[in-house]
C-alpha atoms as a PDB file:
ATOM      1  CA  MET A   1      36.495 -11.556  -8.143  1.00  0.00           C
ATOM      2  CA  SER A   2      32.673 -11.333  -8.788  1.00  0.00           C
ATOM      3  CA  GLU A   3      30.274  -8.667  -7.273  1.00  0.00           C
ATOM      4  CA  ARG A   4      27.716 -10.023  -4.724  1.00  0.00           C
ATOM      5  CA  TRP A   5      24.601  -8.463  -4.321  1.00  0.00           C
ATOM      6  CA  GLU A   6      21.831  -8.094  -1.625  1.00  0.00           C
ATOM      7  CA  TYR A   7      18.132  -7.778  -2.142  1.00  0.00           C
ATOM      8  CA  ALA A   8      15.183  -5.856  -0.933  1.00  0.00           C
ATOM      9  CA  SER A   9      11.606  -5.955  -1.827  1.00  0.00           C
ATOM     10  CA  VAL A  10       9.027  -2.763  -1.685  1.00  0.00           C
ATOM     11  CA  THR A  11       5.436  -3.858  -2.425  1.00  0.00           C
ATOM     12  CA  TRP A  12       3.020  -1.262  -2.494  1.00  0.00           C
ATOM     13  CA  VAL A  13      -0.569  -2.637  -1.527  1.00  0.00           C
ATOM     14  CA  ASP A  14      -4.054  -1.013  -2.164  1.00  0.00           C
ATOM     15  CA  GLU A  15      -6.467  -2.928   0.422  1.00  0.00           C
ATOM     16  CA  VAL A  16     -10.222  -2.705   0.529  1.00  0.00           C
ATOM     17  CA  ARG A  17     -12.023  -4.597   3.477  1.00  0.00           C
ATOM     18  CA  LYS A  18     -15.560  -4.220   5.281  1.00  0.00           C
ATOM     19  CA  ILE A  19     -15.794  -2.530   8.467  1.00  0.00           C
ATOM     20  CA  THR A  20     -18.182  -2.978  11.199  1.00  0.00           C
ATOM     21  CA  LYS A  21     -19.340  -0.298  13.799  1.00  0.00           C
ATOM     22  CA  THR A  22     -17.223  -2.019  16.033  1.00  0.00           C
ATOM     23  CA  ASP A  23     -14.163  -1.484  14.128  1.00  0.00           C
ATOM     24  CA  PRO A  24     -12.012   1.280  15.345  1.00  0.00           C
ATOM     25  CA  GLU A  25     -12.199   2.947  11.630  1.00  0.00           C
ATOM     26  CA  PHE A  26     -15.894   3.531  12.092  1.00  0.00           C
ATOM     27  CA  GLU A  27     -14.727   6.648  14.673  1.00  0.00           C
ATOM     28  CA  ARG A  28     -12.980   7.773  11.592  1.00  0.00           C
ATOM     29  CA  LEU A  29     -15.812   8.005   9.270  1.00  0.00           C
ATOM     30  CA  PRO A  30     -17.267  11.291   8.969  1.00  0.00           C
ATOM     31  CA  ASP A  31     -20.708  12.210  10.571  1.00  0.00           C
ATOM     32  CA  GLU A  32     -22.423  12.636   7.149  1.00  0.00           C
ATOM     33  CA  VAL A  33     -21.295   8.726   6.396  1.00  0.00           C
ATOM     34  CA  LYS A  34     -22.238   7.332   9.991  1.00  0.00           C
ATOM     35  CA  ARG A  35     -26.022   9.213   9.325  1.00  0.00           C
ATOM     36  CA  LYS A  36     -26.202   7.547   6.040  1.00  0.00           C
ATOM     37  CA  TRP A  37     -25.019   4.040   7.660  1.00  0.00           C
ATOM     38  CA  GLU A  38     -27.938   4.514  10.243  1.00  0.00           C
ATOM     39  CA  ARG A  39     -30.484   5.268   7.833  1.00  0.00           C
ATOM     40  CA  GLY A  40     -29.456   2.858   5.290  1.00  0.00           C
ATOM     41  CA  ASP A  41     -29.328   0.339   8.159  1.00  0.00           C
ATOM     42  CA  TRP A  42     -25.504  -0.785   6.391  1.00  0.00           C
ATOM     43  CA  LYS A  43     -23.987  -3.777   8.048  1.00  0.00           C
ATOM     44  CA  ASN A  44     -20.606  -2.603   6.894  1.00  0.00           C
ATOM     45  CA  TYR A  45     -18.802  -0.104   4.973  1.00  0.00           C
ATOM     46  CA  PRO A  46     -15.859  -0.497   2.602  1.00  0.00           C
ATOM     47  CA  TRP A  47     -12.470   0.926   4.200  1.00  0.00           C
ATOM     48  CA  ARG A  48      -9.821   1.603   1.694  1.00  0.00           C
ATOM     49  CA  ALA A  49      -6.015   1.989   2.537  1.00  0.00           C
ATOM     50  CA  GLN A  50      -2.470   1.837   0.707  1.00  0.00           C
ATOM     51  CA  LYS A  51       0.332   0.465   2.495  1.00  0.00           C
ATOM     52  CA  ILE A  52       3.921  -0.040   1.542  1.00  0.00           C
ATOM     53  CA  HIS A  53       5.658  -3.203   2.728  1.00  0.00           C
ATOM     54  CA  ILE A  54       9.385  -2.823   3.133  1.00  0.00           C
ATOM     55  CA  TRP A  55      11.282  -6.001   3.422  1.00  0.00           C
ATOM     56  CA  LEU A  56      15.036  -5.774   3.776  1.00  0.00           C
ATOM     57  CA  PRO A  57      17.489  -8.310   4.158  1.00  0.00           C
ATOM     58  CA  GLN A  58      17.531 -10.621   7.455  1.00  0.00           C
ATOM     59  CA  SER A  59      14.397  -8.483   8.183  1.00  0.00           C
ATOM     60  CA  THR A  60      11.691 -11.291   9.960  1.00  0.00           C
ATOM     61  CA  GLU A  61       8.731  -8.998   9.106  1.00  0.00           C
ATOM     62  CA  ALA A  62       7.888  -6.108   6.834  1.00  0.00           C
ATOM     63  CA  ASP A  63       8.071  -2.453   7.916  1.00  0.00           C
ATOM     64  CA  ILE A  64       4.828  -1.313   7.012  1.00  0.00           C
ATOM     65  CA  ARG A  65       4.006   2.218   6.164  1.00  0.00           C
ATOM     66  CA  VAL A  66       0.662   3.941   5.324  1.00  0.00           C
ATOM     67  CA  ALA A  67       0.591   5.910   2.328  1.00  0.00           C
ATOM     68  CA  TRP A  68      -3.170   6.435   2.323  1.00  0.00           C
ATOM     69  CA  GLU A  69      -6.286   5.727   4.001  1.00  0.00           C
ATOM     70  CA  ALA A  70     -10.007   6.310   3.270  1.00  0.00           C
ATOM     71  CA  PHE A  71     -10.837   9.986   4.404  1.00  0.00           C
ATOM     72  CA  ASP A  72      -7.228  11.190   5.135  1.00  0.00           C
ATOM     73  CA  ASP A  73      -6.346  13.301   2.017  1.00  0.00           C
ATOM     74  CA  ASP A  74      -3.107  13.692   3.260  1.00  0.00           C
ATOM     75  CA  TYR A  75      -0.163  11.306   1.974  1.00  0.00           C
ATOM     76  CA  ARG A  76       1.481   9.529   5.124  1.00  0.00           C
ATOM     77  CA  VAL A  77       4.106   8.204   3.012  1.00  0.00           C
ATOM     78  CA  SER A  78       5.301   8.930  -0.594  1.00  0.00           C
ATOM     79  CA  GLN A  79       6.746   6.169  -2.385  1.00  0.00           C
ATOM     80  CA  LEU A  80       9.231   8.417  -3.934  1.00  0.00           C
ATOM     81  CA  ASP A  81       9.998   9.784  -0.851  1.00  0.00           C
ATOM     82  CA  LEU A  82      10.749   5.995   0.302  1.00  0.00           C
ATOM     83  CA  PHE A  83      12.721   5.190  -3.194  1.00  0.00           C
ATOM     84  CA  ASN A  84      14.829   8.332  -2.036  1.00  0.00           C
ATOM     85  CA  GLU A  85      15.597   7.154   1.483  1.00  0.00           C
ATOM     86  CA  LEU A  86      16.516   3.697   0.310  1.00  0.00           C
ATOM     87  CA  GLY A  87      18.589   5.330  -2.727  1.00  0.00           C
ATOM     88  CA  ALA A  88      20.663   7.028  -0.137  1.00  0.00           C
ATOM     89  CA  ASP A  89      21.178   3.765   1.750  1.00  0.00           C
ATOM     90  CA  GLY A  90      22.874   2.488  -1.581  1.00  0.00           C
ATOM     91  CA  TRP A  91      19.698   0.907  -2.843  1.00  0.00           C
ATOM     92  CA  GLU A  92      19.053   0.879  -6.729  1.00  0.00           C
ATOM     93  CA  ILE A  93      15.746  -0.761  -8.328  1.00  0.00           C
ATOM     94  CA  ALA A  94      16.380  -3.936 -10.141  1.00  0.00           C
ATOM     95  CA  SER A  95      12.994  -4.436 -11.189  1.00  0.00           C
ATOM     96  CA  GLN A  96       9.330  -3.667 -11.177  1.00  0.00           C
ATOM     97  CA  GLY A  97       5.822  -5.159 -11.864  1.00  0.00           C
ATOM     98  CA  VAL A  98       2.155  -5.170 -11.184  1.00  0.00           C
ATOM     99  CA  TRP A  99       1.910  -8.770  -8.951  1.00  0.00           C
ATOM    100  CA  ASP A 100      -1.880  -8.580  -8.436  1.00  0.00           C
ATOM    101  CA  SER A 101      -4.711  -6.621 -10.227  1.00  0.00           C
ATOM    102  CA  ALA A 102      -8.678  -6.452  -9.810  1.00  0.00           C
ATOM    103  CA  MET A 103     -11.485  -5.499 -11.828  1.00  0.00           C
ATOM    104  CA  GLY A 104     -13.962  -2.521 -10.629  1.00  0.00           C
ATOM    105  CA  SER A 105     -15.765   0.355 -11.957  1.00  0.00           C
ATOM    106  CA  GLY A 106     -13.568   3.362 -13.011  1.00  0.00           C
ATOM    107  CA  TYR A 107     -12.483   5.547 -16.099  1.00  0.00           C
ATOM    108  CA  GLY A 108     -16.184   5.673 -16.902  1.00  0.00           C
ATOM    109  CA  ARG A 109     -16.375   1.816 -17.413  1.00  0.00           C
ATOM    110  CA  ASP A 110     -18.284  -0.779 -15.609  1.00  0.00           C
ATOM    111  CA  THR A 111     -15.374  -3.117 -15.386  1.00  0.00           C
ATOM    112  CA  THR A 112     -11.442  -1.989 -15.178  1.00  0.00           C
ATOM    113  CA  SER A 113      -8.582  -3.670 -14.224  1.00  0.00           C
ATOM    114  CA  PHE A 114      -6.395  -1.948 -11.953  1.00  0.00           C
ATOM    115  CA  PRO A 115      -3.096  -2.577  -9.855  1.00  0.00           C
ATOM    116  CA  ILE A 116      -3.609  -4.015  -6.146  1.00  0.00           C
ATOM    117  CA  ARG A 117      -0.292  -5.033  -5.628  1.00  0.00           C
ATOM    118  CA  VAL A 118       2.969  -3.516  -7.094  1.00  0.00           C
ATOM    119  CA  ARG A 119       6.297  -5.283  -6.613  1.00  0.00           C
ATOM    120  CA  THR A 120       9.759  -3.384  -6.693  1.00  0.00           C
ATOM    121  CA  LEU A 121      12.659  -5.342  -6.167  1.00  0.00           C
ATOM    122  CA  LEU A 122      16.063  -3.430  -5.152  1.00  0.00           C
ATOM    123  CA  LYS A 123      19.632  -4.608  -4.902  1.00  0.00           C
ATOM    124  CA  ARG A 124      22.753  -2.849  -3.556  1.00  0.00           C
ATOM    125  CA  ARG A 125      26.361  -4.326  -3.664  1.00  0.00           C
ATOM    126  CA  VAL A 126      27.666  -6.013  -0.786  1.00  0.00           C
ATOM    127  CA  GLU A 127      31.054  -4.879   0.310  1.00  0.00           C
ATOM    128  CA  GLY A 128      34.070  -7.018   1.015  1.00  0.00           C
END
């Protein structure tokens, strides 16, 4: 009798999008940024968020958890805590890789490649 496995996917996504004064995130901006916005007559502002998308077997949509958002220095979900939670349910990491990367300034360079989507594939033995 051969072993049977089921699989799940956990994808960490780093996204940046432009917000305007009509977006709900505008109210979460620090007052100093709002004043600069007014003085500079900005049309939009970059909002950055890191989210974790969890796809378990038979899911019709991902369970999305916020790991971090702009101007929120407290992590809401730690990826390690999430992996410990899934590990307690019998999930093991089968593979992990960068699915997408982007170019931007960082590490003292004008252009640096950095991951914006990292996928972890998990598996667990199916009983019976």
